[in-house]
Amino acid sequence: MEATRGLIDDLDTAGLNMALSEATCLGAAVDIANARLHLELEVLTLPVDGPPPEDRFVQLTLTGVSRVAASLRIQYWDEIEPKVMPLALDGLGEATAGFGGAALHGWEFIDTDDSGWSLWRELLSFDTEVSDRPALHVLEFSQQEGADPRELDVRVWFEGVEVTTSAGRPVALPDFVAGSRRWWKAHDACDPRTMLPDVAPPM
């Protein structure tokens, strides 16, 4: 990763990484004409006061997308090498949805170093240039579900981030991050509002 990535603008990389942690990925869509990639997510968030929201859906849109790479692999326990599955950019949404709403595990997604990318960059299903825009940031995420031997890794080069609700209302990035920060703080305090079956309790 270039040392200057993430320092070029005011994007809150650490805050967005927190907001994406353990989010449920429901789908993805690429808008090539407008150089955008949309991720449909259910995120962990709390309001300033009161119960958790019933609707936790957001659409996270990466703008100024210049490149998208993905590796869809299948590897059974008794196989030494994974088998790279065919996939194209226009099939990314279907491939993502095929994992049935898997969580984005981990704590780093935006402007990560290249350690993860180096593990699968030679196992690509596709690597597509979307536009000639400068790559100010990268987002990398994986999809894997239970005992399913499939795994999907995706890396996106982009310029900016937008967030909207299920009703299409824009959410300012500081507000998006603040809701996540409240959730994780409450989670660490064993707040019952954060006791969810798919999220580990605090250590």
Protein backbone atom coordinates (compact mmCIF):
# COMPACT_ATOMS: atom_id res chain seq x y z
CA MET A 1 0.00 0.00 0.00
CA GLU A 2 1.25 3.47 -0.79
CA ALA A 3 2.25 5.32 2.36
CA THR A 4 0.20 8.37 1.38
CA ARG A 5 -3.08 6.50 0.91
CA GLY A 6 -5.63 7.62 3.47
CA LEU A 7 -3.76 10.87 4.12
CA ILE A 8 -4.87 12.62 0.94
CA ASP A 9 -8.30 13.68 2.21
CA ASP A 10 -10.34 13.71 5.40
CA LEU A 11 -11.82 10.22 5.08
CA ASP A 12 -12.18 8.74 8.58
CA THR A 13 -10.63 5.38 7.79
CA ALA A 14 -10.52 4.15 11.40
CA GLY A 15 -14.12 5.18 12.03
CA LEU A 16 -15.39 3.54 8.85
CA ASN A 17 -13.50 0.35 9.66
CA MET A 18 -15.32 0.25 13.00
CA ALA A 19 -18.67 0.93 11.35
CA LEU A 20 -18.17 -1.94 8.88
CA SER A 21 -17.02 -4.49 11.44
CA GLU A 22 -19.48 -7.38 11.76
CA ALA A 23 -21.85 -5.71 9.30
CA THR A 24 -24.01 -8.17 7.37
CA CYS A 25 -23.40 -7.99 3.63
CA LEU A 26 -26.68 -8.48 1.77
CA GLY A 27 -25.51 -7.70 -1.75
CA ALA A 28 -23.38 -5.63 -4.08
CA ALA A 29 -23.94 -3.81 -7.35
CA VAL A 30 -21.50 -2.14 -9.71
CA ASP A 31 -22.54 0.95 -11.69
CA ILE A 32 -19.84 1.07 -14.33
CA ALA A 33 -21.25 4.11 -16.14
CA ASN A 34 -20.98 6.24 -12.99
CA ALA A 35 -17.89 4.52 -11.55
CA ARG A 36 -19.72 3.46 -8.38
CA LEU A 37 -19.98 0.30 -6.32
CA HIS A 38 -22.90 -0.18 -3.92
CA LEU A 39 -22.80 -2.47 -0.89
CA GLU A 40 -26.06 -3.33 0.83
CA LEU A 41 -25.36 -3.78 4.54
CA GLU A 42 -27.02 -4.26 7.90
CA VAL A 43 -24.79 -2.47 10.38
CA LEU A 44 -24.38 -2.41 14.15
CA THR A 45 -25.56 0.99 15.35
CA LEU A 46 -27.29 2.66 18.28
CA PRO A 47 -29.03 6.02 18.64
CA VAL A 48 -28.02 8.50 21.31
CA ASP A 49 -30.92 7.27 23.47
CA GLY A 50 -33.48 4.50 23.37
CA PRO A 51 -33.74 1.07 21.78
CA PRO A 52 -31.72 -0.08 18.77
CA PRO A 53 -33.25 0.76 15.40
CA GLU A 54 -35.51 -1.83 13.82
CA ASP A 55 -34.10 -0.98 10.39
CA ARG A 56 -30.29 -1.28 10.36
CA PHE A 57 -29.99 -1.29 6.57
CA VAL A 58 -27.64 1.12 4.81
CA GLN A 59 -26.30 1.36 1.31
CA LEU A 60 -22.60 2.14 1.33
CA THR A 61 -21.56 3.60 -2.01
CA LEU A 62 -17.95 3.82 -3.13
CA THR A 63 -17.58 6.67 -5.60
CA GLY A 64 -14.91 7.29 -8.19
CA VAL A 65 -14.25 3.57 -8.54
CA SER A 66 -11.29 2.89 -10.82
CA ARG A 67 -10.70 -0.84 -10.44
CA VAL A 68 -12.37 -3.93 -8.96
CA ALA A 69 -10.67 -7.29 -8.43
CA ALA A 70 -12.18 -10.45 -6.97
CA SER A 71 -11.26 -14.05 -6.26
CA LEU A 72 -14.02 -16.63 -5.92
CA ARG A 73 -12.46 -19.89 -4.78
CA ILE A 74 -13.52 -23.30 -3.62
CA GLN A 75 -11.28 -25.56 -1.56
CA TYR A 76 -12.28 -28.71 0.29
CA TRP A 77 -10.43 -29.81 3.39
CA ASP A 78 -8.56 -32.59 1.57
CA GLU A 79 -7.37 -30.39 -1.31
CA ILE A 80 -3.95 -28.74 -1.33
CA GLU A 81 -4.72 -25.99 -3.82
CA PRO A 82 -7.92 -23.94 -4.17
CA LYS A 83 -9.87 -23.95 -7.42
CA VAL A 84 -10.54 -20.48 -8.82
CA MET A 85 -14.14 -20.16 -9.99
CA PRO A 86 -15.18 -18.12 -13.04
CA LEU A 87 -16.69 -14.74 -12.23
CA ALA A 88 -17.06 -11.40 -14.01
CA LEU A 89 -17.67 -7.90 -12.71
CA ASP A 90 -21.35 -7.96 -13.65
CA GLY A 91 -21.78 -11.15 -11.60
CA LEU A 92 -20.34 -9.75 -8.38
CA GLY A 93 -23.75 -8.93 -6.92
CA GLU A 94 -25.06 -12.45 -7.46
CA ALA A 95 -21.86 -13.96 -6.05
CA THR A 96 -22.05 -11.80 -2.93
CA ALA A 97 -25.73 -12.55 -2.37
CA GLY A 98 -24.93 -16.25 -2.76
CA PHE A 99 -23.31 -16.26 0.68
CA GLY A 100 -26.70 -15.60 2.27
CA GLY A 101 -25.82 -12.52 4.29
CA ALA A 102 -22.41 -13.30 5.71
CA ALA A 103 -20.77 -10.87 8.12
CA LEU A 104 -17.78 -8.71 7.30
CA HIS A 105 -15.43 -10.15 9.89
CA GLY A 106 -12.38 -8.26 11.06
CA TRP A 107 -11.51 -4.69 11.92
CA GLU A 108 -9.79 -3.39 8.80
CA PHE A 109 -11.47 -2.92 5.43
CA ILE A 110 -10.46 0.50 4.12
CA ASP A 111 -6.87 1.42 3.28
CA THR A 112 -5.50 -1.82 4.65
CA ASP A 113 -1.97 -2.88 3.90
CA ASP A 114 -1.34 -5.35 1.10
CA SER A 115 -0.87 -8.44 3.27
CA GLY A 116 -4.32 -9.86 2.54
CA TRP A 117 -4.24 -8.86 -1.12
CA SER A 118 -0.88 -10.58 -1.57
CA LEU A 119 -2.43 -13.91 -0.53
CA TRP A 120 -5.01 -14.02 -3.32
CA ARG A 121 -3.87 -11.60 -6.04
CA GLU A 122 -2.55 -14.57 -8.04
CA LEU A 123 -5.92 -16.36 -7.73
CA LEU A 124 -8.11 -13.79 -9.46
CA SER A 125 -11.48 -14.52 -11.02
CA PHE A 126 -11.38 -11.04 -12.55
CA ASP A 127 -9.47 -7.77 -12.34
CA THR A 128 -11.34 -5.01 -14.14
CA GLU A 129 -10.44 -1.38 -14.79
CA VAL A 130 -13.62 0.65 -14.37
CA SER A 131 -12.28 4.17 -14.98
CA ASP A 132 -9.05 6.15 -15.12
CA ARG A 133 -9.76 8.00 -11.87
CA PRO A 134 -6.98 8.20 -9.27
CA ALA A 135 -7.11 5.47 -6.61
CA LEU A 136 -7.08 7.45 -3.38
CA HIS A 137 -8.39 4.56 -1.27
CA VAL A 138 -8.98 0.82 -1.33
CA LEU A 139 -11.65 -1.32 0.30
CA GLU A 140 -11.13 -5.04 0.79
CA PHE A 141 -13.62 -7.54 2.19
CA SER A 142 -14.21 -11.29 2.24
CA GLN A 143 -17.29 -13.49 2.26
CA GLN A 144 -17.31 -16.96 3.79
CA GLU A 145 -20.11 -18.83 5.49
CA GLY A 146 -19.87 -21.70 7.92
CA ALA A 147 -18.59 -24.97 6.51
CA ASP A 148 -19.11 -23.84 2.92
CA PRO A 149 -15.80 -24.40 1.10
CA ARG A 150 -16.32 -21.29 -1.03
CA GLU A 151 -14.65 -17.97 -0.29
CA LEU A 152 -14.94 -14.62 -2.03
CA ASP A 153 -12.36 -11.85 -1.68
CA VAL A 154 -13.01 -8.44 -3.19
CA ARG A 155 -10.78 -5.38 -3.51
CA VAL A 156 -12.02 -2.01 -4.78
CA TRP A 157 -9.98 1.07 -5.63
CA PHE A 158 -12.06 4.25 -5.13
CA GLU A 159 -12.14 7.96 -4.27
CA GLY A 160 -14.99 8.58 -1.80
CA VAL A 161 -17.78 7.09 0.33
CA GLU A 162 -21.48 7.88 0.62
CA VAL A 163 -24.06 6.29 2.94
CA THR A 164 -27.85 6.25 2.57
CA THR A 165 -30.68 4.62 4.51
CA SER A 166 -33.19 2.11 3.13
CA ALA A 167 -35.42 5.10 2.36
CA GLY A 168 -32.64 6.76 0.38
CA ARG A 169 -31.89 9.42 3.00
CA PRO A 170 -28.23 10.49 3.02
CA VAL A 171 -26.32 9.83 6.24
CA ALA A 172 -23.34 12.02 7.03
CA LEU A 173 -20.22 9.92 7.53
CA PRO A 174 -19.56 11.34 11.05
CA ASP A 175 -23.11 10.32 12.07
CA PHE A 176 -22.65 6.88 10.54
CA VAL A 177 -19.43 6.38 12.48
CA ALA A 178 -20.89 7.80 15.72
CA GLY A 179 -23.74 5.27 15.71
CA SER A 180 -21.23 2.46 15.38
CA ARG A 181 -19.01 3.87 18.10
CA ARG A 182 -22.01 3.97 20.49
CA TRP A 183 -22.85 0.35 19.64
CA TRP A 184 -19.36 -0.99 20.34
CA LYS A 185 -19.05 1.04 23.54
CA ALA A 186 -22.38 -0.39 24.71
CA HIS A 187 -21.28 -3.88 23.63
CA ASP A 188 -18.13 -3.64 25.75
CA ALA A 189 -20.33 -2.59 28.71
CA CYS A 190 -22.58 -5.68 28.20
CA ASP A 191 -25.54 -3.51 27.25
CA PRO A 192 -28.45 -5.91 26.49
CA ARG A 193 -29.26 -3.89 23.36
CA THR A 194 -26.12 -5.34 21.77
CA MET A 195 -26.68 -8.99 22.63
CA LEU A 196 -27.09 -10.50 19.17
CA PRO A 197 -26.80 -14.21 18.28
CA ASP A 198 -24.19 -13.67 15.56
CA VAL A 199 -21.91 -11.29 17.51
CA ALA A 200 -19.54 -12.58 20.15
CA PRO A 201 -20.03 -11.18 23.68
CA PRO A 202 -17.31 -8.92 25.10
CA MET A 203 -14.19 -10.65 26.37
